[in-house]
Amino acid sequence: MADIAKLTALIEPEAQALGFDLVRVKLFGGAGDITLQVMAERPDTRQLTIDDCADLSRRISDLLDEADPIESEYRLEVSSPGIDRPLTRLGDFADWAGHEARIVLTAPVEGRKQLTGNLVGVEGDRITIDVNKHQEMTIGFDQVADAKLLFTDRLLAATRPLSAEGADEEEFEEGELEAADTNTSEGQD
């Protein structure tokens, strides 16, 4: 597979030219079914519109057609990070302090390979998380293999969409949102 650092170096200037911050570049899948996933956001709203995604997709597609950095066929997927967004930059951990996250570590710390709890904040290159049913733990950013916010009512309230036009309307009674999230997210990570 192609080198993610090289792909990122190609894609990031295209995102920045449109005024977007690049959140993640990820290549996944197997032979014949490879997907290049690009997540970006507007710095002021932390979202992208459908038109933003289309503009970025066209720029990246043209660039990748010319540079040809991926040896086989692939599918290009351009999106905003979504509500339960990946945390890929050190600043993400500070920006989303107070929200619940799951952090997978590169190696176990205090016998834990995964930390789930409320983000407390960042000091230097160190992240503090209040681990559920345990205690606050501080780890280095370099110890993070993967991290994402967890979908909660509090996160939903904090992330209002730019526009709800075209969205399906569903009404939830108080407390039902957590139950609906539990039922739809089983087996996802």
Protein backbone atom coordinates (compact mmCIF):
# COMPACT_ATOMS: atom_id res chain seq x y z
CA MET A 1 0.00 0.00 0.00
CA ALA A 2 0.95 3.62 -0.44
CA ASP A 3 2.78 5.62 2.21
CA ILE A 4 0.28 7.62 4.33
CA ALA A 5 2.84 10.33 5.12
CA LYS A 6 3.42 10.91 1.39
CA LEU A 7 -0.31 10.91 0.67
CA THR A 8 -0.87 13.39 3.50
CA ALA A 9 1.90 15.63 2.15
CA LEU A 10 0.15 15.64 -1.26
CA ILE A 11 -3.38 16.14 0.07
CA GLU A 12 -2.86 18.66 2.88
CA PRO A 13 -1.94 21.64 0.63
CA GLU A 14 -5.09 21.00 -1.44
CA ALA A 15 -7.26 21.05 1.69
CA GLN A 16 -5.52 24.19 2.96
CA ALA A 17 -5.98 25.93 -0.40
CA LEU A 18 -9.72 25.57 0.13
CA GLY A 19 -9.44 26.88 3.71
CA PHE A 20 -9.84 23.46 5.36
CA ASP A 21 -7.84 21.70 8.07
CA LEU A 22 -6.93 18.13 7.29
CA VAL A 23 -8.11 15.82 10.09
CA ARG A 24 -7.08 12.39 8.79
CA VAL A 25 -5.82 10.52 5.75
CA LYS A 26 -6.33 6.77 6.02
CA LEU A 27 -5.95 3.92 3.54
CA PHE A 28 -7.80 0.70 4.31
CA GLY A 29 -9.20 -2.43 2.72
CA GLY A 30 -7.65 -5.28 0.82
CA ALA A 31 -6.75 -6.11 -2.76
CA GLY A 32 -9.48 -4.92 -5.11
CA ASP A 33 -11.32 -3.02 -2.38
CA ILE A 34 -9.02 -0.21 -1.20
CA THR A 35 -10.47 3.03 0.16
CA LEU A 36 -8.57 6.28 0.61
CA GLN A 37 -10.41 8.15 3.35
CA VAL A 38 -9.82 11.88 3.70
CA MET A 39 -11.41 13.81 6.57
CA ALA A 40 -11.24 17.58 6.70
CA GLU A 41 -13.06 20.44 8.39
CA ARG A 42 -13.52 24.17 8.28
CA PRO A 43 -11.57 25.61 11.24
CA ASP A 44 -14.42 27.92 12.24
CA THR A 45 -17.25 25.35 12.18
CA ARG A 46 -15.37 22.01 12.48
CA GLN A 47 -17.66 20.71 9.72
CA LEU A 48 -17.83 20.47 5.93
CA THR A 49 -20.85 20.92 3.72
CA ILE A 50 -21.61 18.52 0.89
CA ASP A 51 -20.34 21.16 -1.55
CA ASP A 52 -17.09 21.45 0.45
CA CYS A 53 -16.64 17.67 0.22
CA ALA A 54 -17.26 17.75 -3.53
CA ASP A 55 -14.77 20.60 -4.05
CA LEU A 56 -12.07 18.84 -2.04
CA SER A 57 -12.79 15.51 -3.70
CA ARG A 58 -12.34 17.02 -7.19
CA ARG A 59 -9.05 18.69 -6.21
CA ILE A 60 -7.68 15.52 -4.62
CA SER A 61 -8.87 13.31 -7.46
CA ASP A 62 -7.17 15.50 -10.09
CA LEU A 63 -3.96 15.61 -8.05
CA LEU A 64 -3.88 11.86 -7.42
CA ASP A 65 -4.61 11.09 -11.07
CA GLU A 66 -1.53 13.12 -11.99
CA ALA A 67 0.81 11.99 -9.19
CA ASP A 68 -0.46 8.35 -9.16
CA PRO A 69 0.84 7.54 -5.63
CA ILE A 70 -1.42 4.50 -5.13
CA GLU A 71 -0.39 1.48 -7.18
CA SER A 72 -3.80 -0.18 -7.49
CA GLU A 73 -7.39 0.88 -7.96
CA TYR A 74 -8.99 2.60 -4.99
CA ARG A 75 -12.11 4.44 -3.92
CA LEU A 76 -11.77 8.04 -2.69
CA GLU A 77 -13.95 8.97 0.29
CA VAL A 78 -13.98 12.62 1.40
CA SER A 79 -15.97 13.64 4.47
CA SER A 80 -16.15 15.75 7.59
CA PRO A 81 -15.01 13.99 10.78
CA GLY A 82 -18.58 13.62 12.05
CA ILE A 83 -19.85 13.87 15.59
CA ASP A 84 -17.92 10.93 17.04
CA ARG A 85 -14.83 12.20 15.31
CA PRO A 86 -11.34 10.75 15.40
CA LEU A 87 -8.88 12.66 17.57
CA THR A 88 -5.75 12.84 15.43
CA ARG A 89 -4.03 16.06 16.47
CA LEU A 90 -2.84 17.04 19.93
CA GLY A 91 -5.09 20.11 19.83
CA ASP A 92 -8.15 17.87 19.34
CA PHE A 93 -7.70 16.50 22.86
CA ALA A 94 -7.68 20.04 24.29
CA ASP A 95 -10.54 21.24 22.12
CA TRP A 96 -12.80 18.38 23.20
CA ALA A 97 -11.93 18.41 26.92
CA GLY A 98 -14.99 17.50 28.98
CA HIS A 99 -16.22 14.98 26.41
CA GLU A 100 -16.00 11.21 26.52
CA ALA A 101 -13.37 9.52 24.36
CA ARG A 102 -11.78 6.15 23.72
CA ILE A 103 -8.01 6.09 23.35
CA VAL A 104 -6.19 2.98 22.12
CA LEU A 105 -2.56 2.95 23.19
CA THR A 106 0.51 1.81 21.27
CA ALA A 107 1.52 -0.26 24.33
CA PRO A 108 -0.21 -0.95 27.66
CA VAL A 109 0.05 1.64 30.45
CA GLU A 110 -0.72 0.40 33.96
CA GLY A 111 -2.00 -2.81 32.35
CA ARG A 112 -4.44 -0.94 30.08
CA LYS A 113 -4.27 -0.91 26.29
CA GLN A 114 -7.46 1.18 25.97
CA LEU A 115 -8.58 4.17 28.01
CA THR A 116 -12.23 5.28 28.01
CA GLY A 117 -13.42 8.30 29.94
CA ASN A 118 -13.73 12.08 29.95
CA LEU A 119 -10.92 14.10 28.41
CA VAL A 120 -9.48 16.45 31.03
CA GLY A 121 -7.04 18.41 28.89
CA VAL A 122 -3.55 18.75 27.48
CA GLU A 123 -0.35 20.08 28.97
CA GLY A 124 2.61 20.21 26.59
CA ASP A 125 2.46 16.91 24.69
CA ARG A 126 0.69 15.09 27.54
CA ILE A 127 -3.01 14.16 27.51
CA THR A 128 -5.03 13.61 30.68
CA ILE A 129 -8.16 11.46 30.67
CA ASP A 130 -10.39 10.61 33.63
CA VAL A 131 -10.70 6.87 33.02
CA ASN A 132 -14.15 5.47 33.85
CA LYS A 133 -14.23 3.52 37.13
CA HIS A 134 -10.50 4.10 37.63
CA GLN A 135 -8.70 7.44 37.96
CA GLU A 136 -7.16 10.24 35.94
CA MET A 137 -4.29 9.04 33.76
CA THR A 138 -1.80 11.13 31.82
CA ILE A 139 -0.16 9.77 28.69
CA GLY A 140 2.07 11.14 25.96
CA PHE A 141 0.56 12.00 22.59
CA ASP A 142 3.13 9.61 21.09
CA GLN A 143 1.48 6.76 23.05
CA VAL A 144 -1.83 7.18 21.19
CA ALA A 145 -2.41 4.61 18.43
CA ASP A 146 -6.02 5.65 17.78
CA ALA A 147 -8.57 7.87 19.50
CA LYS A 148 -12.12 9.06 18.94
CA LEU A 149 -14.92 10.86 20.69
CA LEU A 150 -17.81 8.72 21.89
CA PHE A 151 -21.35 9.62 20.91
CA THR A 152 -23.18 11.01 23.94
CA ASP A 153 -26.09 13.38 24.52
CA ARG A 154 -23.58 15.99 25.75
CA LEU A 155 -21.51 15.69 22.54
CA LEU A 156 -24.62 15.88 20.38
CA ALA A 157 -25.68 19.07 22.15
CA ALA A 158 -22.20 20.57 21.61
CA THR A 159 -22.05 19.83 17.88
CA ARG A 160 -24.84 21.56 16.08
CA PRO A 161 -24.89 20.97 12.31
CA LEU A 162 -24.46 23.86 9.90
CA SER A 163 -27.78 22.88 8.36
CA ALA A 164 -30.31 20.17 9.11
CA GLU A 165 -31.78 20.47 5.62
CA GLY A 166 -32.44 17.03 4.19
CA ALA A 167 -31.81 15.22 7.46
CA ASP A 168 -34.29 12.62 8.63
CA GLU A 169 -36.29 13.87 11.57
CA GLU A 170 -36.53 11.59 14.57
CA GLU A 171 -37.77 12.45 18.00
CA PHE A 172 -36.30 10.85 21.09
CA GLU A 173 -37.66 10.90 24.59
CA GLU A 174 -35.15 11.87 27.26
CA GLY A 175 -32.68 8.96 27.72
CA GLU A 176 -33.69 7.21 24.49
CA LEU A 177 -30.75 8.70 22.57
CA GLU A 178 -28.24 6.70 24.61
CA ALA A 179 -30.27 3.51 24.05
CA ALA A 180 -30.51 4.20 20.30
CA ASP A 181 -26.77 4.83 20.13
CA THR A 182 -26.04 1.57 21.98
CA ASN A 183 -28.19 -0.39 19.55
CA THR A 184 -26.63 1.10 16.42
CA SER A 185 -22.97 1.13 17.40
CA GLU A 186 -22.44 -2.46 18.49
CA GLY A 187 -19.26 -3.87 17.03
CA GLN A 188 -18.04 -0.53 15.68
CA ASP A 189 -14.68 0.98 16.64
